[in-house]
Amino acid sequence: MLPPDYLKRLRQVEVRARIVSEQLMGGRLTSVFKGRGMDFADVREYVPGDDVRRIDWNVTARLRKPYIKRHIEERELVVMLLVDVSASGHFGTAPGGDAQADTKRELAAVLAGALAFSAIRDGDRVGMILFSDRIERFVPPKKSRAHVTRLLHELLFTEPKSSGTSLNAALNFLNNLLHRSALVFVLSDFHDHDEAAWRRALRASNQRHEMIALRTVDQRELELPDVGLALVQDSETGEVIELETSDPEVRAAYAAAGEERLAELKVFCRLSGVPELDLRTDTRESAWPQRLQKFLDQAAKRRVA
């Protein structure tokens, strides 16, 4: 059942996503959707200044002169949004005003919408996979504004049938679904306890597709307020623990554990060749698109042309 303020909520997120998309596309970001979407054309003789990574060693050995590969961009790229809609996404403690989102799921919706609008403006098709510990919804790639509105509708109002998280299930579904290389954004808080499985799946997916990890984070995942004795529940498993938040050592240990998880994910993504960025619900909405633009621009430069 749709909420009474359905149209208002959908319109608010759509407008915010359009604004962010305009900020992204206003820079050099048209290249972010062009990476592995390249077709081989021919070879030409190497000249000083060419990227040595493009040298065709077989032709070079045969002709005894260095030659490089020339590519042409495909006219169309498939952009896939893998969005985590598990129960932990409903968590959020950001204040009102100019914070970018109230919950991690709302942040993911604004972010996914901005990327989708940017993709269709560049003439690319965009699709979406919503997942918990199962596939909740698949929307095939298309390239119209009405299609992006549908994506936002599904993202905001799909009621997951499960509360857990399985990145492995989502990535395996993606790889079985798409046989052609795509640009894939994974929007998740990465609260998946089966780390070995999803890390293997992400490495394997990055061999076939261009993977980019965007992690949604709330400030209370990194720091505890001093509110005395508190009961804390894991929204995905239902486990409840008691924390004495007035104890400085408890708060310090909680903060250290949160920072350690962030650091471990960053190291893993760097070693796996997957660009990774954390986006927080409490960041000023006027500032985070610039940070995202810089990150995506750097990710585009790392792609082999």
C-alpha atoms as a PDB file:
ATOM      1  CA  MET A   1       0.000   0.000   0.000  1.00  0.00           C
ATOM      2  CA  LEU A   2       1.367   3.390  -0.973  1.00  0.00           C
ATOM      3  CA  PRO A   3       1.749   6.006   1.805  1.00  0.00           C
ATOM      4  CA  PRO A   4      -0.563   9.057   1.820  1.00  0.00           C
ATOM      5  CA  ASP A   5       2.345  11.351   0.953  1.00  0.00           C
ATOM      6  CA  TYR A   6       3.465   9.110  -1.921  1.00  0.00           C
ATOM      7  CA  LEU A   7       3.577  11.758  -4.654  1.00  0.00           C
ATOM      8  CA  LYS A   8       5.218  14.316  -2.362  1.00  0.00           C
ATOM      9  CA  ARG A   9       8.015  11.947  -1.323  1.00  0.00           C
ATOM     10  CA  LEU A  10       8.600  10.755  -4.873  1.00  0.00           C
ATOM     11  CA  ARG A  11       8.680  14.320  -6.190  1.00  0.00           C
ATOM     12  CA  GLN A  12      11.063  15.498  -3.453  1.00  0.00           C
ATOM     13  CA  VAL A  13      13.592  12.754  -4.152  1.00  0.00           C
ATOM     14  CA  GLU A  14      13.247  13.183  -7.924  1.00  0.00           C
ATOM     15  CA  VAL A  15      13.925  16.926  -7.697  1.00  0.00           C
ATOM     16  CA  ARG A  16      16.942  16.405  -5.441  1.00  0.00           C
ATOM     17  CA  ALA A  17      18.295  13.719  -7.773  1.00  0.00           C
ATOM     18  CA  ARG A  18      17.898  16.011 -10.795  1.00  0.00           C
ATOM     19  CA  ILE A  19      19.754  18.824  -9.027  1.00  0.00           C
ATOM     20  CA  VAL A  20      22.654  16.535  -8.136  1.00  0.00           C
ATOM     21  CA  SER A  21      22.697  15.132 -11.681  1.00  0.00           C
ATOM     22  CA  GLU A  22      22.929  18.641 -13.136  1.00  0.00           C
ATOM     23  CA  GLN A  23      25.852  19.390 -10.824  1.00  0.00           C
ATOM     24  CA  LEU A  24      27.603  16.178 -11.840  1.00  0.00           C
ATOM     25  CA  MET A  25      27.069  16.628 -15.565  1.00  0.00           C
ATOM     26  CA  GLY A  26      28.051  20.294 -15.348  1.00  0.00           C
ATOM     27  CA  GLY A  27      31.674  19.221 -14.903  1.00  0.00           C
ATOM     28  CA  ARG A  28      33.690  16.683 -16.847  1.00  0.00           C
ATOM     29  CA  LEU A  29      31.516  13.803 -15.815  1.00  0.00           C
ATOM     30  CA  THR A  30      30.207  12.912 -19.262  1.00  0.00           C
ATOM     31  CA  SER A  31      33.214  10.574 -19.412  1.00  0.00           C
ATOM     32  CA  VAL A  32      32.206   8.635 -16.290  1.00  0.00           C
ATOM     33  CA  PHE A  33      29.742   6.578 -18.307  1.00  0.00           C
ATOM     34  CA  LYS A  34      32.334   5.769 -20.964  1.00  0.00           C
ATOM     35  CA  GLY A  35      34.946   3.289 -19.822  1.00  0.00           C
ATOM     36  CA  ARG A  36      35.020  -0.297 -20.918  1.00  0.00           C
ATOM     37  CA  GLY A  37      32.343   0.597 -23.433  1.00  0.00           C
ATOM     38  CA  MET A  38      34.991   0.632 -26.156  1.00  0.00           C
ATOM     39  CA  ASP A  39      35.311  -1.346 -29.371  1.00  0.00           C
ATOM     40  CA  PHE A  40      38.658  -2.255 -30.960  1.00  0.00           C
ATOM     41  CA  ALA A  41      39.179  -0.399 -34.266  1.00  0.00           C
ATOM     42  CA  ASP A  42      42.726  -1.000 -35.538  1.00  0.00           C
ATOM     43  CA  VAL A  43      46.369  -0.425 -34.654  1.00  0.00           C
ATOM     44  CA  ARG A  44      48.769   2.382 -35.501  1.00  0.00           C
ATOM     45  CA  GLU A  45      52.463   2.946 -35.005  1.00  0.00           C
ATOM     46  CA  TYR A  46      53.486   4.128 -31.575  1.00  0.00           C
ATOM     47  CA  VAL A  47      54.580   7.757 -31.166  1.00  0.00           C
ATOM     48  CA  PRO A  48      56.239   9.252 -28.073  1.00  0.00           C
ATOM     49  CA  GLY A  49      53.620  10.250 -25.533  1.00  0.00           C
ATOM     50  CA  ASP A  50      51.199   7.394 -26.248  1.00  0.00           C
ATOM     51  CA  ASP A  51      49.991   5.294 -23.318  1.00  0.00           C
ATOM     52  CA  VAL A  52      52.304   2.255 -23.193  1.00  0.00           C
ATOM     53  CA  ARG A  53      49.456   0.193 -21.750  1.00  0.00           C
ATOM     54  CA  ARG A  54      47.801   0.316 -25.175  1.00  0.00           C
ATOM     55  CA  ILE A  55      50.734  -1.323 -26.975  1.00  0.00           C
ATOM     56  CA  ASP A  56      49.691  -4.383 -28.990  1.00  0.00           C
ATOM     57  CA  TRP A  57      52.594  -6.692 -28.218  1.00  0.00           C
ATOM     58  CA  ASN A  58      51.626  -9.322 -30.816  1.00  0.00           C
ATOM     59  CA  VAL A  59      51.664  -6.816 -33.668  1.00  0.00           C
ATOM     60  CA  THR A  60      54.789  -5.169 -32.259  1.00  0.00           C
ATOM     61  CA  ALA A  61      56.659  -8.485 -32.226  1.00  0.00           C
ATOM     62  CA  ARG A  62      55.523  -9.360 -35.744  1.00  0.00           C
ATOM     63  CA  LEU A  63      56.415  -6.011 -37.353  1.00  0.00           C
ATOM     64  CA  ARG A  64      59.424  -5.284 -35.109  1.00  0.00           C
ATOM     65  CA  LYS A  65      58.080  -1.800 -34.366  1.00  0.00           C
ATOM     66  CA  PRO A  66      55.856  -0.703 -31.463  1.00  0.00           C
ATOM     67  CA  TYR A  67      52.175  -0.405 -32.372  1.00  0.00           C
ATOM     68  CA  ILE A  68      49.268   0.623 -30.178  1.00  0.00           C
ATOM     69  CA  LYS A  69      45.607  -0.362 -30.230  1.00  0.00           C
ATOM     70  CA  ARG A  70      43.023   2.189 -31.309  1.00  0.00           C
ATOM     71  CA  HIS A  71      39.518   2.015 -29.926  1.00  0.00           C
ATOM     72  CA  ILE A  72      36.250   3.736 -30.656  1.00  0.00           C
ATOM     73  CA  GLU A  73      33.534   4.357 -28.100  1.00  0.00           C
ATOM     74  CA  GLU A  74      30.399   2.316 -28.296  1.00  0.00           C
ATOM     75  CA  ARG A  75      27.358   4.464 -28.896  1.00  0.00           C
ATOM     76  CA  GLU A  76      25.569   3.083 -25.883  1.00  0.00           C
ATOM     77  CA  LEU A  77      26.568   1.755 -22.493  1.00  0.00           C
ATOM     78  CA  VAL A  78      24.496  -0.202 -19.995  1.00  0.00           C
ATOM     79  CA  VAL A  79      24.584   1.277 -16.488  1.00  0.00           C
ATOM     80  CA  MET A  80      23.334  -0.970 -13.673  1.00  0.00           C
ATOM     81  CA  LEU A  81      22.458   0.190 -10.176  1.00  0.00           C
ATOM     82  CA  LEU A  82      22.710  -2.528  -7.515  1.00  0.00           C
ATOM     83  CA  VAL A  83      20.896  -1.045  -4.517  1.00  0.00           C
ATOM     84  CA  ASP A  84      20.811  -2.586  -1.053  1.00  0.00           C
ATOM     85  CA  VAL A  85      17.263  -2.397   0.399  1.00  0.00           C
ATOM     86  CA  SER A  86      17.896  -4.541   3.486  1.00  0.00           C
ATOM     87  CA  ALA A  87      16.546  -3.473   6.885  1.00  0.00           C
ATOM     88  CA  SER A  88      19.733  -1.628   7.866  1.00  0.00           C
ATOM     89  CA  GLY A  89      18.957   0.947   5.169  1.00  0.00           C
ATOM     90  CA  HIS A  90      16.089   2.323   7.258  1.00  0.00           C
ATOM     91  CA  PHE A  91      18.616   3.482   9.857  1.00  0.00           C
ATOM     92  CA  GLY A  92      19.314   7.187  10.000  1.00  0.00           C
ATOM     93  CA  THR A  93      20.009   9.833  12.619  1.00  0.00           C
ATOM     94  CA  ALA A  94      20.869  12.821  10.449  1.00  0.00           C
ATOM     95  CA  PRO A  95      19.276  16.089  11.581  1.00  0.00           C
ATOM     96  CA  GLY A  96      16.932  18.011   9.301  1.00  0.00           C
ATOM     97  CA  GLY A  97      17.862  21.144   7.413  1.00  0.00           C
ATOM     98  CA  ASP A  98      20.614  20.759   4.864  1.00  0.00           C
ATOM     99  CA  ALA A  99      21.620  17.167   5.665  1.00  0.00           C
ATOM    100  CA  GLN A 100      21.608  15.120   2.493  1.00  0.00           C
ATOM    101  CA  ALA A 101      19.216  12.405   3.713  1.00  0.00           C
ATOM    102  CA  ASP A 102      17.257  11.194   6.730  1.00  0.00           C
ATOM    103  CA  THR A 103      18.099   7.510   6.230  1.00  0.00           C
ATOM    104  CA  LYS A 104      20.632   5.489   4.284  1.00  0.00           C
ATOM    105  CA  ARG A 105      17.889   4.233   1.964  1.00  0.00           C
ATOM    106  CA  GLU A 106      16.827   7.790   1.135  1.00  0.00           C
ATOM    107  CA  LEU A 107      20.463   8.679   0.498  1.00  0.00           C
ATOM    108  CA  ALA A 108      20.734   5.684  -1.855  1.00  0.00           C
ATOM    109  CA  ALA A 109      17.571   6.839  -3.666  1.00  0.00           C
ATOM    110  CA  VAL A 110      18.914  10.361  -4.270  1.00  0.00           C
ATOM    111  CA  LEU A 111      22.261   8.973  -5.351  1.00  0.00           C
ATOM    112  CA  ALA A 112      20.755   6.324  -7.652  1.00  0.00           C
ATOM    113  CA  GLY A 113      18.425   8.898  -9.179  1.00  0.00           C
ATOM    114  CA  ALA A 114      21.292  11.312  -9.854  1.00  0.00           C
ATOM    115  CA  LEU A 115      23.335   8.602 -11.548  1.00  0.00           C
ATOM    116  CA  ALA A 116      20.317   7.454 -13.575  1.00  0.00           C
ATOM    117  CA  PHE A 117      19.496  10.960 -14.811  1.00  0.00           C
ATOM    118  CA  SER A 118      23.173  11.482 -15.714  1.00  0.00           C
ATOM    119  CA  ALA A 119      23.237   8.202 -17.653  1.00  0.00           C
ATOM    120  CA  ILE A 120      20.159   8.911 -19.777  1.00  0.00           C
ATOM    121  CA  ARG A 121      21.432  12.420 -20.533  1.00  0.00           C
ATOM    122  CA  ASP A 122      24.534  10.787 -21.942  1.00  0.00           C
ATOM    123  CA  GLY A 123      22.395   8.481 -24.103  1.00  0.00           C
ATOM    124  CA  ASP A 124      22.988   5.353 -22.031  1.00  0.00           C
ATOM    125  CA  ARG A 125      20.508   2.796 -20.731  1.00  0.00           C
ATOM    126  CA  VAL A 126      20.140   2.340 -16.994  1.00  0.00           C
ATOM    127  CA  GLY A 127      18.656  -0.560 -15.059  1.00  0.00           C
ATOM    128  CA  MET A 128      18.394  -1.509 -11.405  1.00  0.00           C
ATOM    129  CA  ILE A 129      18.599  -4.527  -9.121  1.00  0.00           C
ATOM    130  CA  LEU A 130      17.151  -4.144  -5.614  1.00  0.00           C
ATOM    131  CA  PHE A 131      18.447  -6.737  -3.188  1.00  0.00           C
ATOM    132  CA  SER A 132      18.356  -7.810   0.451  1.00  0.00           C
ATOM    133  CA  ASP A 133      19.584 -11.367   1.033  1.00  0.00           C
ATOM    134  CA  ARG A 134      17.591 -12.174  -2.100  1.00  0.00           C
ATOM    135  CA  ILE A 135      16.689 -10.347  -5.309  1.00  0.00           C
ATOM    136  CA  GLU A 136      13.750  -8.110  -4.436  1.00  0.00           C
ATOM    137  CA  ARG A 137      13.234  -6.397  -7.781  1.00  0.00           C
ATOM    138  CA  PHE A 138      14.857  -6.199 -11.219  1.00  0.00           C
ATOM    139  CA  VAL A 139      14.128  -3.309 -13.589  1.00  0.00           C
ATOM    140  CA  PRO A 140      15.560  -3.836 -17.115  1.00  0.00           C
ATOM    141  CA  PRO A 141      17.728  -1.064 -18.587  1.00  0.00           C
ATOM    142  CA  LYS A 142      16.006   1.718 -20.529  1.00  0.00           C
ATOM    143  CA  LYS A 143      16.767   5.365 -21.234  1.00  0.00           C
ATOM    144  CA  SER A 144      13.855   7.715 -20.626  1.00  0.00           C
ATOM    145  CA  ARG A 145      12.921  10.164 -17.888  1.00  0.00           C
ATOM    146  CA  ALA A 146       9.775   8.207 -17.172  1.00  0.00           C
ATOM    147  CA  HIS A 147      11.968   5.156 -16.668  1.00  0.00           C
ATOM    148  CA  VAL A 148      14.070   6.992 -14.055  1.00  0.00           C
ATOM    149  CA  THR A 149      10.879   7.984 -12.236  1.00  0.00           C
ATOM    150  CA  ARG A 150       9.926   4.307 -12.189  1.00  0.00           C
ATOM    151  CA  LEU A 151      13.343   3.421 -10.742  1.00  0.00           C
ATOM    152  CA  LEU A 152      12.854   5.950  -7.942  1.00  0.00           C
ATOM    153  CA  HIS A 153       9.353   4.632  -7.270  1.00  0.00           C
ATOM    154  CA  GLU A 154      10.658   1.080  -6.928  1.00  0.00           C
ATOM    155  CA  LEU A 155      13.548   2.184  -4.745  1.00  0.00           C
ATOM    156  CA  LEU A 156      11.459   4.264  -2.355  1.00  0.00           C
ATOM    157  CA  PHE A 157       8.390   2.073  -2.023  1.00  0.00           C
ATOM    158  CA  THR A 158       9.426  -1.553  -2.601  1.00  0.00           C
ATOM    159  CA  GLU A 159       8.797  -3.465   0.622  1.00  0.00           C
ATOM    160  CA  PRO A 160      11.570  -6.088   0.907  1.00  0.00           C
ATOM    161  CA  LYS A 161      10.452  -9.617   1.697  1.00  0.00           C
ATOM    162  CA  SER A 162      13.640 -10.176   3.688  1.00  0.00           C
ATOM    163  CA  SER A 163      15.679  -8.090   6.132  1.00  0.00           C
ATOM    164  CA  GLY A 164      19.191  -9.490   5.607  1.00  0.00           C
ATOM    165  CA  THR A 165      21.938  -8.643   3.115  1.00  0.00           C
ATOM    166  CA  SER A 166      23.631 -10.801   0.497  1.00  0.00           C
ATOM    167  CA  LEU A 167      25.903  -8.934  -1.876  1.00  0.00           C
ATOM    168  CA  ASN A 168      26.952 -12.319  -3.207  1.00  0.00           C
ATOM    169  CA  ALA A 169      23.396 -13.089  -4.369  1.00  0.00           C
ATOM    170  CA  ALA A 170      23.087  -9.695  -6.076  1.00  0.00           C
ATOM    171  CA  LEU A 171      26.429  -9.952  -7.854  1.00  0.00           C
ATOM    172  CA  ASN A 172      25.803 -13.511  -9.017  1.00  0.00           C
ATOM    173  CA  PHE A 173      22.390 -12.469 -10.366  1.00  0.00           C
ATOM    174  CA  LEU A 174      24.049  -9.578 -12.220  1.00  0.00           C
ATOM    175  CA  ASN A 175      26.682 -11.811 -13.801  1.00  0.00           C
ATOM    176  CA  ASN A 176      24.114 -14.390 -14.902  1.00  0.00           C
ATOM    177  CA  LEU A 177      21.857 -11.651 -16.269  1.00  0.00           C
ATOM    178  CA  LEU A 178      24.318  -9.538 -18.257  1.00  0.00           C
ATOM    179  CA  HIS A 179      26.718 -11.131 -20.720  1.00  0.00           C
ATOM    180  CA  ARG A 180      27.924  -7.780 -22.043  1.00  0.00           C
ATOM    181  CA  SER A 181      30.198  -5.521 -20.026  1.00  0.00           C
ATOM    182  CA  ALA A 182      28.378  -2.823 -18.040  1.00  0.00           C
ATOM    183  CA  LEU A 183      29.154   0.034 -15.693  1.00  0.00           C
ATOM    184  CA  VAL A 184      27.877  -1.131 -12.298  1.00  0.00           C
ATOM    185  CA  PHE A 185      27.323   0.996  -9.183  1.00  0.00           C
ATOM    186  CA  VAL A 186      26.903  -0.935  -5.925  1.00  0.00           C
ATOM    187  CA  LEU A 187      25.007   1.219  -3.395  1.00  0.00           C
ATOM    188  CA  SER A 188      25.118  -0.458   0.002  1.00  0.00           C
ATOM    189  CA  ASP A 189      26.260  -0.129   3.594  1.00  0.00           C
ATOM    190  CA  PHE A 190      28.097  -3.461   3.065  1.00  0.00           C
ATOM    191  CA  HIS A 191      26.700  -4.978   6.269  1.00  0.00           C
ATOM    192  CA  ASP A 192      27.015  -8.491   4.883  1.00  0.00           C
ATOM    193  CA  HIS A 193      28.381 -11.010   7.368  1.00  0.00           C
ATOM    194  CA  ASP A 194      29.521 -13.452   4.671  1.00  0.00           C
ATOM    195  CA  GLU A 195      32.534 -11.342   3.729  1.00  0.00           C
ATOM    196  CA  ALA A 196      34.476 -14.118   2.028  1.00  0.00           C
ATOM    197  CA  ALA A 197      31.613 -14.836  -0.408  1.00  0.00           C
ATOM    198  CA  TRP A 198      30.796 -11.263  -1.426  1.00  0.00           C
ATOM    199  CA  ARG A 199      34.450 -10.303  -1.749  1.00  0.00           C
ATOM    200  CA  ARG A 200      35.045 -13.203  -4.151  1.00  0.00           C
ATOM    201  CA  ALA A 201      31.919 -12.209  -6.082  1.00  0.00           C
ATOM    202  CA  LEU A 202      32.957  -8.544  -6.297  1.00  0.00           C
ATOM    203  CA  ARG A 203      36.425  -9.455  -7.589  1.00  0.00           C
ATOM    204  CA  ALA A 204      34.900 -11.785 -10.190  1.00  0.00           C
ATOM    205  CA  SER A 205      32.336  -9.159 -11.234  1.00  0.00           C
ATOM    206  CA  ASN A 206      35.093  -6.578 -11.681  1.00  0.00           C
ATOM    207  CA  GLN A 207      36.749  -8.854 -14.228  1.00  0.00           C
ATOM    208  CA  ARG A 208      33.640  -8.684 -16.408  1.00  0.00           C
ATOM    209  CA  HIS A 209      32.177  -5.280 -15.586  1.00  0.00           C
ATOM    210  CA  GLU A 210      33.337  -1.853 -14.421  1.00  0.00           C
ATOM    211  CA  MET A 211      32.434  -1.941 -10.724  1.00  0.00           C
ATOM    212  CA  ILE A 212      32.139   1.132  -8.494  1.00  0.00           C
ATOM    213  CA  ALA A 213      31.307   0.814  -4.766  1.00  0.00           C
ATOM    214  CA  LEU A 214      29.348   3.603  -3.065  1.00  0.00           C
ATOM    215  CA  ARG A 215      28.933   2.969   0.639  1.00  0.00           C
ATOM    216  CA  THR A 216      26.123   4.632   2.592  1.00  0.00           C
ATOM    217  CA  VAL A 217      27.070   5.546   6.161  1.00  0.00           C
ATOM    218  CA  ASP A 218      25.250   7.123   9.097  1.00  0.00           C
ATOM    219  CA  GLN A 219      27.066   9.005  11.842  1.00  0.00           C
ATOM    220  CA  ARG A 220      25.729   6.673  14.556  1.00  0.00           C
ATOM    221  CA  GLU A 221      27.546   3.765  12.901  1.00  0.00           C
ATOM    222  CA  LEU A 222      30.795   5.527  13.730  1.00  0.00           C
ATOM    223  CA  GLU A 223      30.064   7.116  17.106  1.00  0.00           C
ATOM    224  CA  LEU A 224      27.756   6.584  20.066  1.00  0.00           C
ATOM    225  CA  PRO A 225      26.103   9.459  21.941  1.00  0.00           C
ATOM    226  CA  ASP A 226      26.284   9.516  25.722  1.00  0.00           C
ATOM    227  CA  VAL A 227      22.691   8.552  26.630  1.00  0.00           C
ATOM    228  CA  GLY A 228      23.368   6.165  29.501  1.00  0.00           C
ATOM    229  CA  LEU A 229      22.245   2.539  29.407  1.00  0.00           C
ATOM    230  CA  ALA A 230      20.800   1.703  25.979  1.00  0.00           C
ATOM    231  CA  LEU A 231      19.387  -1.335  24.204  1.00  0.00           C
ATOM    232  CA  VAL A 232      20.694  -1.604  20.644  1.00  0.00           C
ATOM    233  CA  GLN A 233      19.085  -3.895  18.081  1.00  0.00           C
ATOM    234  CA  ASP A 234      20.565  -5.239  14.856  1.00  0.00           C
ATOM    235  CA  SER A 235      17.845  -4.428  12.320  1.00  0.00           C
ATOM    236  CA  GLU A 236      18.787  -7.363  10.076  1.00  0.00           C
ATOM    237  CA  THR A 237      19.252 -10.172  12.606  1.00  0.00           C
ATOM    238  CA  GLY A 238      17.041  -8.872  15.423  1.00  0.00           C
ATOM    239  CA  GLU A 239      19.824  -9.378  17.975  1.00  0.00           C
ATOM    240  CA  VAL A 240      19.593  -7.010  20.958  1.00  0.00           C
ATOM    241  CA  ILE A 241      22.539  -6.004  23.117  1.00  0.00           C
ATOM    242  CA  GLU A 242      22.869  -3.695  26.109  1.00  0.00           C
ATOM    243  CA  LEU A 243      25.401  -0.870  25.954  1.00  0.00           C
ATOM    244  CA  GLU A 244      26.494   1.505  28.693  1.00  0.00           C
ATOM    245  CA  THR A 245      27.037   4.523  26.467  1.00  0.00           C
ATOM    246  CA  SER A 246      28.112   6.730  29.382  1.00  0.00           C
ATOM    247  CA  ASP A 247      31.324   4.662  29.602  1.00  0.00           C
ATOM    248  CA  PRO A 248      34.049   6.421  27.531  1.00  0.00           C
ATOM    249  CA  GLU A 249      35.760   3.088  26.852  1.00  0.00           C
ATOM    250  CA  VAL A 250      32.576   1.622  25.379  1.00  0.00           C
ATOM    251  CA  ARG A 251      32.135   4.627  23.097  1.00  0.00           C
ATOM    252  CA  ALA A 252      35.809   4.518  22.077  1.00  0.00           C
ATOM    253  CA  ALA A 253      35.642   0.788  21.290  1.00  0.00           C
ATOM    254  CA  TYR A 254      32.467   1.306  19.227  1.00  0.00           C
ATOM    255  CA  ALA A 255      34.064   4.131  17.255  1.00  0.00           C
ATOM    256  CA  ALA A 256      37.234   2.104  16.697  1.00  0.00           C
ATOM    257  CA  ALA A 257      35.222  -0.868  15.389  1.00  0.00           C
ATOM    258  CA  GLY A 258      33.338   1.381  12.972  1.00  0.00           C
ATOM    259  CA  GLU A 259      36.494   2.999  11.641  1.00  0.00           C
ATOM    260  CA  GLU A 260      38.147  -0.412  11.300  1.00  0.00           C
ATOM    261  CA  ARG A 261      35.272  -1.662   9.105  1.00  0.00           C
ATOM    262  CA  LEU A 262      35.612   1.409   6.893  1.00  0.00           C
ATOM    263  CA  ALA A 263      39.363   0.985   6.606  1.00  0.00           C
ATOM    264  CA  GLU A 264      39.122  -2.736   5.807  1.00  0.00           C
ATOM    265  CA  LEU A 265      36.624  -2.102   3.012  1.00  0.00           C
ATOM    266  CA  LYS A 266      38.789   0.658   1.543  1.00  0.00           C
ATOM    267  CA  VAL A 267      41.869  -1.601   1.543  1.00  0.00           C
ATOM    268  CA  PHE A 268      39.953  -4.495  -0.029  1.00  0.00           C
ATOM    269  CA  CYS A 269      38.492  -2.302  -2.781  1.00  0.00           C
ATOM    270  CA  ARG A 270      41.866  -0.732  -3.531  1.00  0.00           C
ATOM    271  CA  LEU A 271      43.564  -4.125  -3.832  1.00  0.00           C
ATOM    272  CA  SER A 272      40.676  -5.402  -5.980  1.00  0.00           C
ATOM    273  CA  GLY A 273      40.760  -2.419  -8.334  1.00  0.00           C
ATOM    274  CA  VAL A 274      37.241  -1.284  -7.397  1.00  0.00           C
ATOM    275  CA  PRO A 275      36.865   2.486  -6.837  1.00  0.00           C
ATOM    276  CA  GLU A 276      35.153   3.071  -3.474  1.00  0.00           C
ATOM    277  CA  LEU A 277      33.576   6.106  -1.797  1.00  0.00           C
ATOM    278  CA  ASP A 278      31.750   6.620   1.495  1.00  0.00           C
ATOM    279  CA  LEU A 279      28.738   8.959   1.506  1.00  0.00           C
ATOM    280  CA  ARG A 280      27.178   9.978   4.817  1.00  0.00           C
ATOM    281  CA  THR A 281      23.611  10.911   5.587  1.00  0.00           C
ATOM    282  CA  ASP A 282      24.726  13.878   7.722  1.00  0.00           C
ATOM    283  CA  THR A 283      26.919  15.550   5.074  1.00  0.00           C
ATOM    284  CA  ARG A 284      25.700  18.925   3.866  1.00  0.00           C
ATOM    285  CA  GLU A 285      23.655  18.432   0.714  1.00  0.00           C
ATOM    286  CA  SER A 286      25.292  21.459  -0.879  1.00  0.00           C
ATOM    287  CA  ALA A 287      28.746  19.872  -0.570  1.00  0.00           C
ATOM    288  CA  TRP A 288      28.552  16.151  -1.331  1.00  0.00           C
ATOM    289  CA  PRO A 289      27.890  16.319  -5.118  1.00  0.00           C
ATOM    290  CA  GLN A 290      31.281  18.001  -5.596  1.00  0.00           C
ATOM    291  CA  ARG A 291      32.961  15.201  -3.660  1.00  0.00           C
ATOM    292  CA  LEU A 292      31.106  12.603  -5.721  1.00  0.00           C
ATOM    293  CA  GLN A 293      31.995  14.367  -8.967  1.00  0.00           C
ATOM    294  CA  LYS A 294      35.698  14.397  -8.117  1.00  0.00           C
ATOM    295  CA  PHE A 295      35.595  10.718  -7.181  1.00  0.00           C
ATOM    296  CA  LEU A 296      33.796   9.642 -10.366  1.00  0.00           C
ATOM    297  CA  ASP A 297      36.052  11.763 -12.517  1.00  0.00           C
ATOM    298  CA  GLN A 298      39.102  10.047 -10.994  1.00  0.00           C
ATOM    299  CA  ALA A 299      37.452   6.637 -11.482  1.00  0.00           C
ATOM    300  CA  ALA A 300      36.862   7.432 -15.162  1.00  0.00           C
ATOM    301  CA  LYS A 301      40.518   8.393 -15.648  1.00  0.00           C
ATOM    302  CA  ARG A 302      41.620   5.004 -14.288  1.00  0.00           C
ATOM    303  CA  ARG A 303      39.754   3.142 -16.988  1.00  0.00           C
ATOM    304  CA  VAL A 304      41.800   1.806 -19.862  1.00  0.00           C
ATOM    305  CA  ALA A 305      40.819   3.574 -23.062  1.00  0.00           C
END
